[in-house]
């Protein structure tokens, strides 16, 4: 939190101070644990940030309890006959393996939270392989399966939903920001979605699942 004398010298809505928060948000997710100083500035300036990014057709998603913040395109753009604002944050079409694994990791996180134990969900690659195995075609080659899981985990890490533990290449942490993208309503339809994944997986050969 800023002291009164600092606030007087640097108004909370000064362009420079606002830009030091907005620019990192435009580049990606801000995590409290990774940058406490930037996180504190964001909390102090969040009203200004919301007003500023709204002009760009973006919403600020900020979860103080989980300690993350990011920008996403406004869902109401183009409504009421108004011209749609060009998207600044592009949508990504996720492949079947990425979508499936995101769903499984989100469900695993929900079960983990329900247990009321640790706050960090840590999984080994072998555990991830077992999560996804039953949704892939019967008789899938084990080496190809592990390679596919590694490739899928790399893509999910690039999206920011997991991170590999330093010095432990086979261990991952499921980042809690996944809850903002795979929400409660999505989980309510989880079994139906997984049945669709089972059907798609049965109709897809391992070689088709690399995209």
N, C-alpha and C. Protein backbone atom coordinates (compact mmCIF):
# COMPACT_ATOMS: atom_id res chain seq x y z
N UNK A 1 0.85 -1.20 0.00
CA UNK A 1 0.00 0.00 0.00
C UNK A 1 0.88 1.24 0.00
N UNK A 2 0.49 2.29 -0.74
CA UNK A 2 1.30 3.49 -0.84
C UNK A 2 1.12 4.38 0.37
N UNK A 3 2.21 5.10 0.76
CA UNK A 3 2.12 6.09 1.81
C UNK A 3 1.50 7.37 1.26
N UNK A 4 0.97 8.20 2.16
CA UNK A 4 0.27 9.41 1.74
C UNK A 4 1.17 10.35 0.96
N UNK A 5 2.45 10.48 1.42
CA UNK A 5 3.34 11.41 0.73
C UNK A 5 3.65 10.93 -0.68
N UNK A 6 3.77 9.59 -0.86
CA UNK A 6 4.00 9.08 -2.21
C UNK A 6 2.79 9.31 -3.09
N UNK A 7 1.60 9.14 -2.52
CA UNK A 7 0.38 9.35 -3.30
C UNK A 7 0.27 10.78 -3.77
N UNK A 8 0.73 11.71 -2.94
CA UNK A 8 0.67 13.12 -3.32
C UNK A 8 1.63 13.42 -4.46
N UNK A 9 2.81 12.78 -4.44
CA UNK A 9 3.80 13.02 -5.49
C UNK A 9 3.41 12.33 -6.79
N UNK A 10 2.77 11.16 -6.66
CA UNK A 10 2.41 10.39 -7.85
C UNK A 10 0.94 10.04 -7.78
N UNK A 11 0.07 10.83 -8.36
CA UNK A 11 -1.37 10.55 -8.31
C UNK A 11 -1.67 9.14 -8.81
N UNK A 12 -2.70 8.51 -8.21
CA UNK A 12 -3.00 7.12 -8.53
C UNK A 12 -3.37 6.92 -9.98
N UNK A 13 -3.89 7.99 -10.62
CA UNK A 13 -4.32 7.83 -12.00
C UNK A 13 -3.32 8.43 -12.98
N UNK A 14 -2.06 8.62 -12.56
CA UNK A 14 -1.07 9.18 -13.47
C UNK A 14 -0.83 8.20 -14.61
N UNK A 15 -0.65 8.70 -15.85
CA UNK A 15 -0.46 7.82 -16.99
C UNK A 15 0.71 6.86 -16.80
N UNK A 16 1.82 7.36 -16.22
CA UNK A 16 2.99 6.49 -16.06
C UNK A 16 2.68 5.33 -15.13
N UNK A 17 2.06 5.62 -14.01
CA UNK A 17 1.77 4.58 -13.04
C UNK A 17 0.77 3.58 -13.60
N UNK A 18 -0.20 4.08 -14.33
CA UNK A 18 -1.19 3.20 -14.93
C UNK A 18 -0.55 2.29 -15.97
N UNK A 19 0.36 2.84 -16.75
CA UNK A 19 0.99 2.04 -17.81
C UNK A 19 1.85 0.93 -17.24
N UNK A 20 2.45 1.15 -16.05
CA UNK A 20 3.30 0.11 -15.46
C UNK A 20 2.48 -1.11 -15.05
N UNK A 21 1.18 -0.95 -14.93
CA UNK A 21 0.30 -2.07 -14.60
C UNK A 21 -0.38 -2.63 -15.84
N UNK A 22 -0.87 -1.75 -16.71
CA UNK A 22 -1.62 -2.18 -17.88
C UNK A 22 -0.73 -2.94 -18.88
N UNK A 23 0.47 -2.47 -19.09
CA UNK A 23 1.35 -3.12 -20.07
C UNK A 23 1.63 -4.58 -19.70
N UNK A 24 2.00 -4.89 -18.46
CA UNK A 24 2.17 -6.31 -18.10
C UNK A 24 0.89 -7.13 -18.27
N UNK A 25 -0.27 -6.52 -17.99
CA UNK A 25 -1.53 -7.23 -18.18
C UNK A 25 -1.78 -7.55 -19.65
N UNK A 26 -1.42 -6.63 -20.53
CA UNK A 26 -1.59 -6.87 -21.96
C UNK A 26 -0.68 -7.98 -22.46
N UNK A 27 0.42 -8.21 -21.73
CA UNK A 27 1.36 -9.26 -22.12
C UNK A 27 0.97 -10.63 -21.58
N UNK A 28 0.17 -10.65 -20.50
CA UNK A 28 -0.21 -11.95 -19.94
C UNK A 28 -0.75 -11.83 -18.53
N UNK A 29 -0.71 -12.94 -17.81
CA UNK A 29 -1.27 -13.02 -16.47
C UNK A 29 -0.30 -12.42 -15.45
N UNK A 30 -0.85 -11.73 -14.46
CA UNK A 30 -0.07 -11.24 -13.32
C UNK A 30 -0.39 -12.14 -12.13
N UNK A 31 0.65 -12.67 -11.50
CA UNK A 31 0.48 -13.52 -10.32
C UNK A 31 1.04 -12.82 -9.09
N UNK A 32 0.29 -12.85 -8.02
CA UNK A 32 0.72 -12.22 -6.77
C UNK A 32 2.04 -12.81 -6.28
N UNK A 33 2.17 -14.15 -6.33
CA UNK A 33 3.35 -14.80 -5.79
C UNK A 33 4.60 -14.50 -6.60
N UNK A 34 4.44 -14.20 -7.89
CA UNK A 34 5.60 -13.96 -8.74
C UNK A 34 6.06 -12.51 -8.71
N UNK A 35 5.14 -11.58 -8.49
CA UNK A 35 5.49 -10.17 -8.50
C UNK A 35 4.62 -9.42 -7.50
N UNK A 36 4.94 -9.53 -6.19
CA UNK A 36 4.11 -8.89 -5.17
C UNK A 36 3.99 -7.38 -5.33
N UNK A 37 5.07 -6.71 -5.79
CA UNK A 37 5.02 -5.27 -5.96
C UNK A 37 4.04 -4.85 -7.04
N UNK A 38 4.11 -5.54 -8.19
CA UNK A 38 3.19 -5.25 -9.28
C UNK A 38 1.76 -5.59 -8.87
N UNK A 39 1.60 -6.67 -8.13
CA UNK A 39 0.27 -7.06 -7.65
C UNK A 39 -0.32 -5.98 -6.74
N UNK A 40 0.49 -5.45 -5.85
CA UNK A 40 0.02 -4.39 -4.96
C UNK A 40 -0.39 -3.15 -5.72
N UNK A 41 0.40 -2.80 -6.74
CA UNK A 41 0.06 -1.64 -7.56
C UNK A 41 -1.26 -1.86 -8.30
N UNK A 42 -1.46 -3.09 -8.78
CA UNK A 42 -2.70 -3.41 -9.49
C UNK A 42 -3.91 -3.28 -8.56
N UNK A 43 -3.79 -3.76 -7.33
CA UNK A 43 -4.90 -3.65 -6.39
C UNK A 43 -5.24 -2.19 -6.12
N UNK A 44 -4.22 -1.36 -5.99
CA UNK A 44 -4.45 0.06 -5.73
C UNK A 44 -5.08 0.78 -6.93
N UNK A 45 -4.74 0.31 -8.13
CA UNK A 45 -5.17 1.02 -9.34
C UNK A 45 -6.27 0.29 -10.10
N UNK A 46 -6.85 -0.74 -9.51
CA UNK A 46 -7.74 -1.59 -10.30
C UNK A 46 -8.93 -0.84 -10.88
N UNK A 47 -9.49 0.13 -10.17
CA UNK A 47 -10.62 0.88 -10.73
C UNK A 47 -10.19 1.64 -11.98
N UNK A 48 -9.00 2.26 -11.91
CA UNK A 48 -8.48 2.98 -13.08
C UNK A 48 -8.17 2.03 -14.23
N UNK A 49 -7.62 0.87 -13.87
CA UNK A 49 -7.29 -0.12 -14.90
C UNK A 49 -8.55 -0.60 -15.59
N UNK A 50 -9.61 -0.86 -14.83
CA UNK A 50 -10.86 -1.33 -15.43
C UNK A 50 -11.41 -0.30 -16.41
N UNK A 51 -11.38 0.97 -16.02
CA UNK A 51 -11.88 2.03 -16.90
C UNK A 51 -11.04 2.12 -18.17
N UNK A 52 -9.73 2.00 -18.01
CA UNK A 52 -8.83 2.15 -19.16
C UNK A 52 -8.99 1.00 -20.15
N UNK A 53 -8.98 -0.24 -19.65
CA UNK A 53 -9.04 -1.38 -20.58
C UNK A 53 -10.43 -1.53 -21.19
N UNK A 54 -11.46 -0.96 -20.54
CA UNK A 54 -12.81 -1.02 -21.12
C UNK A 54 -12.84 -0.31 -22.46
N UNK A 55 -12.05 0.75 -22.60
CA UNK A 55 -11.96 1.48 -23.87
C UNK A 55 -11.42 0.57 -24.97
N UNK A 56 -10.61 -0.40 -24.58
CA UNK A 56 -10.02 -1.34 -25.53
C UNK A 56 -10.90 -2.57 -25.75
N UNK A 57 -12.09 -2.57 -25.14
CA UNK A 57 -12.98 -3.72 -25.28
C UNK A 57 -12.57 -4.89 -24.42
N UNK A 58 -11.89 -4.61 -23.30
CA UNK A 58 -11.39 -5.67 -22.43
C UNK A 58 -11.96 -5.54 -21.03
N UNK A 59 -12.03 -6.64 -20.33
CA UNK A 59 -12.40 -6.67 -18.92
C UNK A 59 -11.21 -7.15 -18.11
N UNK A 60 -11.07 -6.59 -16.91
CA UNK A 60 -10.06 -7.06 -15.97
C UNK A 60 -10.66 -8.15 -15.12
N UNK A 61 -10.06 -9.32 -15.14
CA UNK A 61 -10.46 -10.42 -14.26
C UNK A 61 -9.42 -10.50 -13.16
N UNK A 62 -9.83 -10.24 -11.92
CA UNK A 62 -8.90 -10.19 -10.79
C UNK A 62 -9.46 -11.02 -9.65
N UNK A 63 -8.71 -12.01 -9.22
CA UNK A 63 -9.12 -12.88 -8.12
C UNK A 63 -8.12 -12.70 -6.99
N UNK A 64 -8.51 -11.91 -5.99
CA UNK A 64 -7.60 -11.65 -4.87
C UNK A 64 -7.34 -12.90 -4.05
N UNK A 65 -8.33 -13.76 -3.90
CA UNK A 65 -8.17 -14.96 -3.08
C UNK A 65 -7.16 -15.92 -3.70
N UNK A 66 -7.22 -16.07 -5.03
CA UNK A 66 -6.31 -16.98 -5.71
C UNK A 66 -5.02 -16.30 -6.15
N UNK A 67 -5.02 -14.96 -6.20
CA UNK A 67 -3.80 -14.24 -6.51
C UNK A 67 -3.41 -14.18 -7.97
N UNK A 68 -4.38 -13.95 -8.86
CA UNK A 68 -4.04 -13.79 -10.27
C UNK A 68 -4.97 -12.75 -10.90
N UNK A 69 -4.51 -12.18 -12.01
CA UNK A 69 -5.30 -11.21 -12.77
C UNK A 69 -4.92 -11.31 -14.23
N UNK A 70 -5.91 -11.08 -15.11
CA UNK A 70 -5.65 -11.10 -16.55
C UNK A 70 -6.74 -10.31 -17.25
N UNK A 71 -6.53 -10.06 -18.53
CA UNK A 71 -7.50 -9.35 -19.35
C UNK A 71 -8.18 -10.31 -20.32
N UNK A 72 -9.47 -10.10 -20.55
CA UNK A 72 -10.15 -10.87 -21.58
C UNK A 72 -11.13 -9.96 -22.30
N UNK A 73 -11.44 -10.35 -23.53
CA UNK A 73 -12.36 -9.55 -24.34
C UNK A 73 -13.73 -9.51 -23.70
N UNK A 74 -14.37 -8.34 -23.79
CA UNK A 74 -15.70 -8.19 -23.19
C UNK A 74 -16.71 -9.05 -23.92
N UNK A 75 -17.59 -9.66 -23.16
CA UNK A 75 -18.56 -10.58 -23.75
C UNK A 75 -19.73 -9.86 -24.41
N UNK A 76 -19.92 -8.58 -24.07
CA UNK A 76 -21.08 -7.87 -24.61
C UNK A 76 -20.73 -7.03 -25.84
N UNK A 77 -19.52 -7.19 -26.38
CA UNK A 77 -19.16 -6.35 -27.51
C UNK A 77 -20.02 -6.68 -28.72
N UNK A 78 -20.49 -5.65 -29.39
CA UNK A 78 -21.31 -5.83 -30.58
C UNK A 78 -22.78 -6.03 -30.31
N UNK A 79 -23.20 -6.01 -29.03
CA UNK A 79 -24.61 -6.17 -28.70
C UNK A 79 -25.38 -4.89 -29.01
N UNK A 80 -26.69 -4.99 -29.00
CA UNK A 80 -27.58 -3.84 -29.17
C UNK A 80 -27.33 -3.09 -30.48
N UNK A 81 -26.87 -3.81 -31.49
CA UNK A 81 -26.69 -3.20 -32.79
C UNK A 81 -25.46 -2.33 -32.92
N UNK A 82 -24.62 -2.24 -31.87
CA UNK A 82 -23.42 -1.43 -31.95
C UNK A 82 -22.32 -2.23 -32.65
N UNK A 83 -21.43 -1.55 -33.38
CA UNK A 83 -20.35 -2.27 -34.06
C UNK A 83 -19.45 -2.97 -33.04
N UNK A 84 -19.04 -4.19 -33.36
CA UNK A 84 -18.15 -4.94 -32.47
C UNK A 84 -16.76 -4.31 -32.47
N UNK A 85 -16.17 -4.23 -31.30
CA UNK A 85 -14.80 -3.72 -31.18
C UNK A 85 -13.85 -4.81 -31.65
N UNK A 86 -12.88 -4.48 -32.49
CA UNK A 86 -11.90 -5.51 -32.90
C UNK A 86 -11.25 -6.14 -31.67
N UNK A 87 -11.08 -7.48 -31.71
CA UNK A 87 -10.54 -8.19 -30.56
C UNK A 87 -9.06 -7.91 -30.39
N UNK A 88 -8.68 -7.43 -29.20
CA UNK A 88 -7.27 -7.21 -28.90
C UNK A 88 -6.64 -8.50 -28.39
N UNK A 89 -7.41 -9.29 -27.64
CA UNK A 89 -6.94 -10.58 -27.15
C UNK A 89 -7.57 -11.66 -28.01
N UNK A 90 -6.74 -12.33 -28.78
CA UNK A 90 -7.25 -13.30 -29.75
C UNK A 90 -7.76 -14.56 -29.06
N UNK A 91 -8.83 -15.13 -29.63
CA UNK A 91 -9.30 -16.42 -29.16
C UNK A 91 -8.42 -17.51 -29.76
N UNK A 92 -8.20 -18.57 -28.98
CA UNK A 92 -7.42 -19.69 -29.46
C UNK A 92 -8.31 -20.92 -29.56
N UNK A 93 -8.27 -21.57 -30.71
CA UNK A 93 -9.01 -22.81 -30.87
C UNK A 93 -8.14 -23.93 -30.31
N UNK A 94 -8.61 -24.57 -29.24
CA UNK A 94 -7.82 -25.59 -28.60
C UNK A 94 -8.03 -26.94 -29.28
N UNK A 95 -6.97 -27.71 -29.37
CA UNK A 95 -7.07 -29.04 -29.95
C UNK A 95 -7.78 -29.99 -28.98
N UNK A 96 -8.18 -31.14 -29.49
CA UNK A 96 -8.85 -32.13 -28.65
C UNK A 96 -8.01 -32.54 -27.45
N UNK A 97 -6.72 -32.91 -27.62
CA UNK A 97 -5.93 -33.32 -26.44
C UNK A 97 -5.80 -32.22 -25.40
N UNK A 98 -5.63 -30.96 -25.86
CA UNK A 98 -5.48 -29.85 -24.92
C UNK A 98 -6.79 -29.63 -24.16
N UNK A 99 -7.92 -29.63 -24.89
CA UNK A 99 -9.22 -29.44 -24.24
C UNK A 99 -9.49 -30.55 -23.23
N UNK A 100 -9.20 -31.77 -23.61
CA UNK A 100 -9.44 -32.90 -22.73
C UNK A 100 -8.60 -32.80 -21.46
N UNK A 101 -7.34 -32.54 -21.61
CA UNK A 101 -6.47 -32.50 -20.44
C UNK A 101 -6.80 -31.31 -19.54
N UNK A 102 -7.18 -30.18 -20.12
CA UNK A 102 -7.62 -29.05 -19.30
C UNK A 102 -8.83 -29.44 -18.46
N UNK A 103 -9.77 -30.17 -19.08
CA UNK A 103 -10.96 -30.61 -18.35
C UNK A 103 -10.58 -31.54 -17.21
N UNK A 104 -9.70 -32.48 -17.47
CA UNK A 104 -9.30 -33.44 -16.45
C UNK A 104 -8.53 -32.76 -15.31
N UNK A 105 -7.68 -31.82 -15.64
CA UNK A 105 -6.93 -31.11 -14.60
C UNK A 105 -7.85 -30.24 -13.76
N UNK A 106 -8.85 -29.63 -14.40
CA UNK A 106 -9.81 -28.81 -13.64
C UNK A 106 -10.62 -29.67 -12.68
N UNK A 107 -11.03 -30.83 -13.13
CA UNK A 107 -11.78 -31.74 -12.27
C UNK A 107 -10.89 -32.22 -11.12
N UNK A 108 -9.64 -32.49 -11.43
CA UNK A 108 -8.70 -32.93 -10.40
C UNK A 108 -8.51 -31.84 -9.35
N UNK A 109 -8.45 -30.59 -9.80
CA UNK A 109 -8.30 -29.47 -8.87
C UNK A 109 -9.53 -29.33 -7.98
N UNK A 110 -10.72 -29.53 -8.56
CA UNK A 110 -11.94 -29.46 -7.77
C UNK A 110 -11.96 -30.54 -6.69
N UNK A 111 -11.55 -31.75 -7.05
CA UNK A 111 -11.48 -32.84 -6.07
C UNK A 111 -10.44 -32.54 -5.00
N UNK A 112 -9.31 -31.96 -5.43
CA UNK A 112 -8.23 -31.62 -4.51
C UNK A 112 -8.69 -30.57 -3.51
N UNK A 113 -9.38 -29.54 -3.98
CA UNK A 113 -9.88 -28.49 -3.10
C UNK A 113 -10.92 -29.03 -2.12
N UNK A 114 -11.74 -29.96 -2.60
CA UNK A 114 -12.77 -30.54 -1.74
C UNK A 114 -12.15 -31.31 -0.57
N UNK A 115 -10.91 -31.77 -0.76
CA UNK A 115 -10.23 -32.51 0.29
C UNK A 115 -9.76 -31.62 1.43
N UNK A 116 -9.67 -30.32 1.17
CA UNK A 116 -9.32 -29.36 2.22
C UNK A 116 -7.91 -29.51 2.75
N UNK A 117 -6.99 -30.00 1.94
CA UNK A 117 -5.62 -30.18 2.40
C UNK A 117 -4.70 -29.06 1.95
N UNK A 118 -3.68 -29.43 1.17
CA UNK A 118 -2.71 -28.47 0.66
C UNK A 118 -3.37 -27.50 -0.32
N UNK A 119 -2.69 -26.39 -0.57
CA UNK A 119 -3.23 -25.39 -1.50
C UNK A 119 -2.68 -25.56 -2.91
N UNK A 120 -1.59 -26.31 -3.07
CA UNK A 120 -0.97 -26.49 -4.38
C UNK A 120 -1.17 -27.91 -4.86
N UNK A 121 -1.75 -28.04 -6.05
CA UNK A 121 -1.95 -29.36 -6.64
C UNK A 121 -0.73 -29.70 -7.50
N UNK A 122 0.03 -30.68 -7.05
CA UNK A 122 1.24 -31.13 -7.75
C UNK A 122 0.98 -32.53 -8.30
N UNK A 123 1.25 -32.73 -9.57
CA UNK A 123 1.07 -34.03 -10.21
C UNK A 123 2.33 -34.44 -10.94
N UNK A 124 2.57 -35.74 -11.00
CA UNK A 124 3.67 -36.25 -11.82
C UNK A 124 3.17 -36.50 -13.23
N UNK A 125 4.09 -36.63 -14.18
CA UNK A 125 3.69 -36.93 -15.55
C UNK A 125 2.97 -38.27 -15.60
N UNK A 126 3.42 -39.25 -14.80
CA UNK A 126 2.76 -40.56 -14.80
C UNK A 126 1.31 -40.44 -14.35
N UNK A 127 1.04 -39.59 -13.38
CA UNK A 127 -0.33 -39.39 -12.93
C UNK A 127 -1.18 -38.76 -14.04
N UNK A 128 -0.59 -37.84 -14.78
CA UNK A 128 -1.31 -37.21 -15.89
C UNK A 128 -1.59 -38.24 -16.99
N UNK A 129 -0.62 -39.09 -17.26
CA UNK A 129 -0.82 -40.14 -18.26
C UNK A 129 -2.00 -41.02 -17.89
N UNK A 130 -2.10 -41.37 -16.61
CA UNK A 130 -3.20 -42.23 -16.16
C UNK A 130 -4.55 -41.50 -16.26
N UNK A 131 -4.54 -40.19 -16.04
CA UNK A 131 -5.78 -39.42 -16.16
C UNK A 131 -6.34 -39.48 -17.58
N UNK A 132 -5.44 -39.41 -18.54
CA UNK A 132 -5.88 -39.25 -19.94
C UNK A 132 -5.97 -40.58 -20.68
N UNK A 133 -5.37 -41.65 -20.12
CA UNK A 133 -5.27 -42.92 -20.85
C UNK A 133 -6.63 -43.47 -21.29
N UNK A 134 -7.62 -43.42 -20.39
CA UNK A 134 -8.89 -44.08 -20.70
C UNK A 134 -9.68 -43.36 -21.79
N UNK A 135 -9.26 -42.14 -22.14
CA UNK A 135 -9.98 -41.39 -23.16
C UNK A 135 -9.33 -41.50 -24.54
N UNK A 136 -8.27 -42.28 -24.62
CA UNK A 136 -7.57 -42.45 -25.89
C UNK A 136 -7.92 -43.80 -26.49
N UNK A 137 -7.71 -43.98 -27.78
CA UNK A 137 -8.07 -45.25 -28.43
C UNK A 137 -7.40 -46.44 -27.76
N UNK A 138 -8.13 -47.54 -27.68
CA UNK A 138 -7.56 -48.76 -27.09
C UNK A 138 -6.34 -49.20 -27.87
N UNK A 139 -5.34 -49.67 -27.15
CA UNK A 139 -4.13 -50.16 -27.80
C UNK A 139 -3.17 -49.07 -28.24
N UNK A 140 -3.33 -47.85 -27.72
CA UNK A 140 -2.41 -46.77 -28.06
C UNK A 140 -0.99 -47.15 -27.64
N UNK A 141 -0.05 -46.83 -28.50
CA UNK A 141 1.35 -47.12 -28.21
C UNK A 141 1.81 -46.32 -26.99
N UNK A 142 2.45 -47.00 -26.02
CA UNK A 142 2.81 -46.35 -24.75
C UNK A 142 3.80 -45.21 -24.96
N UNK A 143 4.77 -45.43 -25.83
CA UNK A 143 5.78 -44.38 -26.07
C UNK A 143 5.12 -43.17 -26.72
N UNK A 144 4.24 -43.41 -27.70
CA UNK A 144 3.54 -42.31 -28.36
C UNK A 144 2.62 -41.59 -27.37
N UNK A 145 1.99 -42.37 -26.48
CA UNK A 145 1.10 -41.77 -25.48
C UNK A 145 1.87 -40.81 -24.58
N UNK A 146 3.03 -41.24 -24.10
CA UNK A 146 3.84 -40.38 -23.22
C UNK A 146 4.32 -39.16 -23.97
N UNK A 147 4.74 -39.35 -25.23
CA UNK A 147 5.19 -38.20 -26.04
C UNK A 147 4.04 -37.22 -26.24
N UNK A 148 2.83 -37.76 -26.48
CA UNK A 148 1.67 -36.89 -26.70
C UNK A 148 1.33 -36.12 -25.43
N UNK A 149 1.39 -36.80 -24.28
CA UNK A 149 1.12 -36.13 -23.01
C UNK A 149 2.13 -35.02 -22.77
N UNK A 150 3.41 -35.30 -23.04
CA UNK A 150 4.44 -34.27 -22.87
C UNK A 150 4.16 -33.07 -23.76
N UNK A 151 3.81 -33.33 -25.02
CA UNK A 151 3.53 -32.23 -25.95
C UNK A 151 2.31 -31.44 -25.51
N UNK A 152 1.29 -32.14 -25.02
CA UNK A 152 0.08 -31.46 -24.56
C UNK A 152 0.37 -30.64 -23.31
N UNK A 153 1.15 -31.19 -22.39
CA UNK A 153 1.52 -30.44 -21.19
C UNK A 153 2.31 -29.19 -21.56
N UNK A 154 3.17 -29.30 -22.56
CA UNK A 154 3.94 -28.12 -22.99
C UNK A 154 3.01 -27.02 -23.50
N UNK A 155 1.98 -27.40 -24.26
CA UNK A 155 1.04 -26.41 -24.78
C UNK A 155 0.23 -25.78 -23.65
N UNK A 156 -0.17 -26.59 -22.68
CA UNK A 156 -0.94 -26.07 -21.55
C UNK A 156 -0.07 -25.16 -20.69
N UNK A 157 1.22 -25.49 -20.60
CA UNK A 157 2.15 -24.62 -19.87
C UNK A 157 2.29 -23.28 -20.58
N UNK A 158 2.35 -23.31 -21.92
CA UNK A 158 2.43 -22.07 -22.70
C UNK A 158 1.19 -21.20 -22.47
N UNK A 159 0.04 -21.83 -22.30
CA UNK A 159 -1.20 -21.10 -22.04
C UNK A 159 -1.27 -20.58 -20.61
N UNK A 160 -0.38 -21.07 -19.74
CA UNK A 160 -0.30 -20.55 -18.38
C UNK A 160 -1.11 -21.32 -17.35
N UNK A 161 -1.66 -22.50 -17.72
CA UNK A 161 -2.51 -23.23 -16.79
C UNK A 161 -1.73 -24.19 -15.89
N UNK A 162 -0.51 -24.52 -16.27
CA UNK A 162 0.35 -25.34 -15.42
C UNK A 162 1.75 -24.76 -15.48
N UNK A 163 2.59 -25.19 -14.56
CA UNK A 163 4.00 -24.87 -14.66
C UNK A 163 4.80 -26.07 -14.18
N UNK A 164 5.92 -26.28 -14.82
CA UNK A 164 6.80 -27.37 -14.43
C UNK A 164 7.64 -26.91 -13.24
N UNK A 165 7.83 -27.81 -12.28
CA UNK A 165 8.59 -27.46 -11.09
C UNK A 165 10.07 -27.44 -11.43
N UNK A 166 10.75 -26.41 -10.97
CA UNK A 166 12.18 -26.23 -11.26
C UNK A 166 12.97 -27.40 -10.68
N UNK A 167 13.79 -28.01 -11.54
CA UNK A 167 14.61 -29.13 -11.11
C UNK A 167 13.87 -30.44 -11.02
N UNK A 168 12.57 -30.43 -11.34
CA UNK A 168 11.76 -31.65 -11.31
C UNK A 168 10.94 -31.71 -12.59
N UNK A 169 11.62 -32.08 -13.68
CA UNK A 169 11.02 -31.99 -15.00
C UNK A 169 9.76 -32.82 -15.19
N UNK A 170 9.58 -33.87 -14.37
CA UNK A 170 8.42 -34.73 -14.52
C UNK A 170 7.27 -34.33 -13.60
N UNK A 171 7.42 -33.22 -12.87
CA UNK A 171 6.38 -32.78 -11.94
C UNK A 171 5.80 -31.44 -12.41
N UNK A 172 4.48 -31.30 -12.29
CA UNK A 172 3.82 -30.05 -12.68
C UNK A 172 2.94 -29.55 -11.53
N UNK A 173 2.73 -28.24 -11.51
CA UNK A 173 1.76 -27.64 -10.61
C UNK A 173 0.61 -27.13 -11.45
N UNK A 174 -0.62 -27.48 -11.08
CA UNK A 174 -1.81 -26.97 -11.76
C UNK A 174 -2.10 -25.59 -11.20
N UNK A 175 -2.03 -24.59 -12.05
CA UNK A 175 -2.21 -23.21 -11.60
C UNK A 175 -3.70 -22.91 -11.45
N UNK A 176 -4.01 -22.17 -10.41
CA UNK A 176 -5.40 -22.00 -10.04
C UNK A 176 -6.18 -21.09 -11.00
N UNK A 177 -5.48 -20.45 -11.90
CA UNK A 177 -6.16 -19.63 -12.91
C UNK A 177 -7.02 -20.49 -13.83
N UNK A 178 -6.77 -21.79 -13.85
CA UNK A 178 -7.59 -22.68 -14.67
C UNK A 178 -9.06 -22.60 -14.26
N UNK A 179 -9.32 -22.22 -13.00
CA UNK A 179 -10.69 -22.11 -12.50
C UNK A 179 -11.45 -20.98 -13.21
N UNK A 180 -10.74 -19.97 -13.68
CA UNK A 180 -11.40 -18.84 -14.35
C UNK A 180 -11.83 -19.20 -15.76
N UNK A 181 -11.22 -20.22 -16.34
CA UNK A 181 -11.52 -20.59 -17.72
C UNK A 181 -12.41 -21.82 -17.80
N UNK A 182 -12.24 -22.73 -16.87
CA UNK A 182 -13.09 -23.91 -16.79
C UNK A 182 -13.92 -23.73 -15.53
N UNK A 183 -15.11 -23.10 -15.67
CA UNK A 183 -15.86 -22.65 -14.50
C UNK A 183 -16.84 -23.71 -13.99
N UNK A 184 -17.62 -23.34 -12.97
CA UNK A 184 -18.53 -24.27 -12.32
C UNK A 184 -19.59 -24.80 -13.28
N UNK A 185 -20.10 -23.92 -14.16
CA UNK A 185 -21.10 -24.36 -15.13
C UNK A 185 -20.50 -25.38 -16.08
N UNK A 186 -19.27 -25.14 -16.46
CA UNK A 186 -18.57 -26.09 -17.34
C UNK A 186 -18.44 -27.44 -16.64
N UNK A 187 -18.07 -27.42 -15.36
CA UNK A 187 -17.92 -28.67 -14.62
C UNK A 187 -19.25 -29.39 -14.45
N UNK A 188 -20.35 -28.62 -14.38
CA UNK A 188 -21.66 -29.25 -14.23
C UNK A 188 -21.98 -30.14 -15.43
N UNK A 189 -21.44 -29.77 -16.59
CA UNK A 189 -21.67 -30.56 -17.81
C UNK A 189 -20.49 -31.50 -18.11
N UNK A 190 -19.66 -31.71 -17.10
CA UNK A 190 -18.38 -32.40 -17.32
C UNK A 190 -18.58 -33.82 -17.85
N UNK A 191 -19.48 -34.59 -17.24
CA UNK A 191 -19.65 -35.98 -17.65
C UNK A 191 -20.12 -36.07 -19.10
N UNK A 192 -21.01 -35.16 -19.49
CA UNK A 192 -21.46 -35.15 -20.88
C UNK A 192 -20.30 -34.83 -21.82
N UNK A 193 -19.50 -33.86 -21.41
CA UNK A 193 -18.36 -33.47 -22.24
C UNK A 193 -17.36 -34.63 -22.35
N UNK A 194 -17.13 -35.31 -21.25
CA UNK A 194 -16.18 -36.41 -21.29
C UNK A 194 -16.69 -37.55 -22.17
N UNK A 195 -18.01 -37.75 -22.18
CA UNK A 195 -18.58 -38.77 -23.07
C UNK A 195 -18.32 -38.39 -24.52
N UNK A 196 -18.42 -37.08 -24.82
CA UNK A 196 -18.10 -36.62 -26.17
C UNK A 196 -16.63 -36.84 -26.47
N UNK A 197 -15.78 -36.59 -25.48
CA UNK A 197 -14.34 -36.81 -25.66
C UNK A 197 -14.04 -38.30 -25.89
N UNK A 198 -14.77 -39.16 -25.14
CA UNK A 198 -14.56 -40.60 -25.32
C UNK A 198 -14.90 -41.00 -26.75
N UNK A 199 -16.02 -40.50 -27.23
CA UNK A 199 -16.44 -40.84 -28.58
C UNK A 199 -15.46 -40.31 -29.61
N UNK A 200 -14.99 -39.07 -29.40
CA UNK A 200 -14.03 -38.49 -30.34
C UNK A 200 -12.71 -39.24 -30.28
N UNK A 201 -12.30 -39.60 -29.06
CA UNK A 201 -11.05 -40.33 -28.91
C UNK A 201 -11.09 -41.68 -29.57
N UNK A 202 -12.25 -42.36 -29.47
CA UNK A 202 -12.39 -43.67 -30.07
C UNK A 202 -12.32 -43.60 -31.59
N UNK A 203 -12.71 -42.44 -32.14
CA UNK A 203 -12.72 -42.27 -33.59
C UNK A 203 -11.44 -41.65 -34.11
N UNK A 204 -10.49 -41.36 -33.19
CA UNK A 204 -9.26 -40.65 -33.56
C UNK A 204 -8.07 -41.54 -33.32
N UNK A 205 -7.22 -41.67 -34.30
CA UNK A 205 -6.01 -42.45 -34.11
C UNK A 205 -4.97 -41.60 -33.42
N UNK A 206 -3.98 -42.21 -32.73
CA UNK A 206 -2.95 -41.43 -32.04
C UNK A 206 -2.25 -40.44 -32.96
N UNK A 207 -2.06 -40.82 -34.22
CA UNK A 207 -1.38 -39.92 -35.13
C UNK A 207 -2.16 -38.69 -35.48
N UNK A 208 -3.52 -38.77 -35.28
CA UNK A 208 -4.37 -37.62 -35.59
C UNK A 208 -4.44 -36.62 -34.47
N UNK A 209 -3.88 -36.94 -33.29
CA UNK A 209 -4.09 -36.12 -32.11
C UNK A 209 -2.92 -35.18 -31.81
N UNK A 210 -2.05 -34.98 -32.79
CA UNK A 210 -0.86 -34.17 -32.54
C UNK A 210 -1.15 -32.69 -32.67
N UNK A 211 -2.26 -32.26 -33.32
CA UNK A 211 -2.52 -30.86 -33.61
C UNK A 211 -2.94 -30.08 -32.44
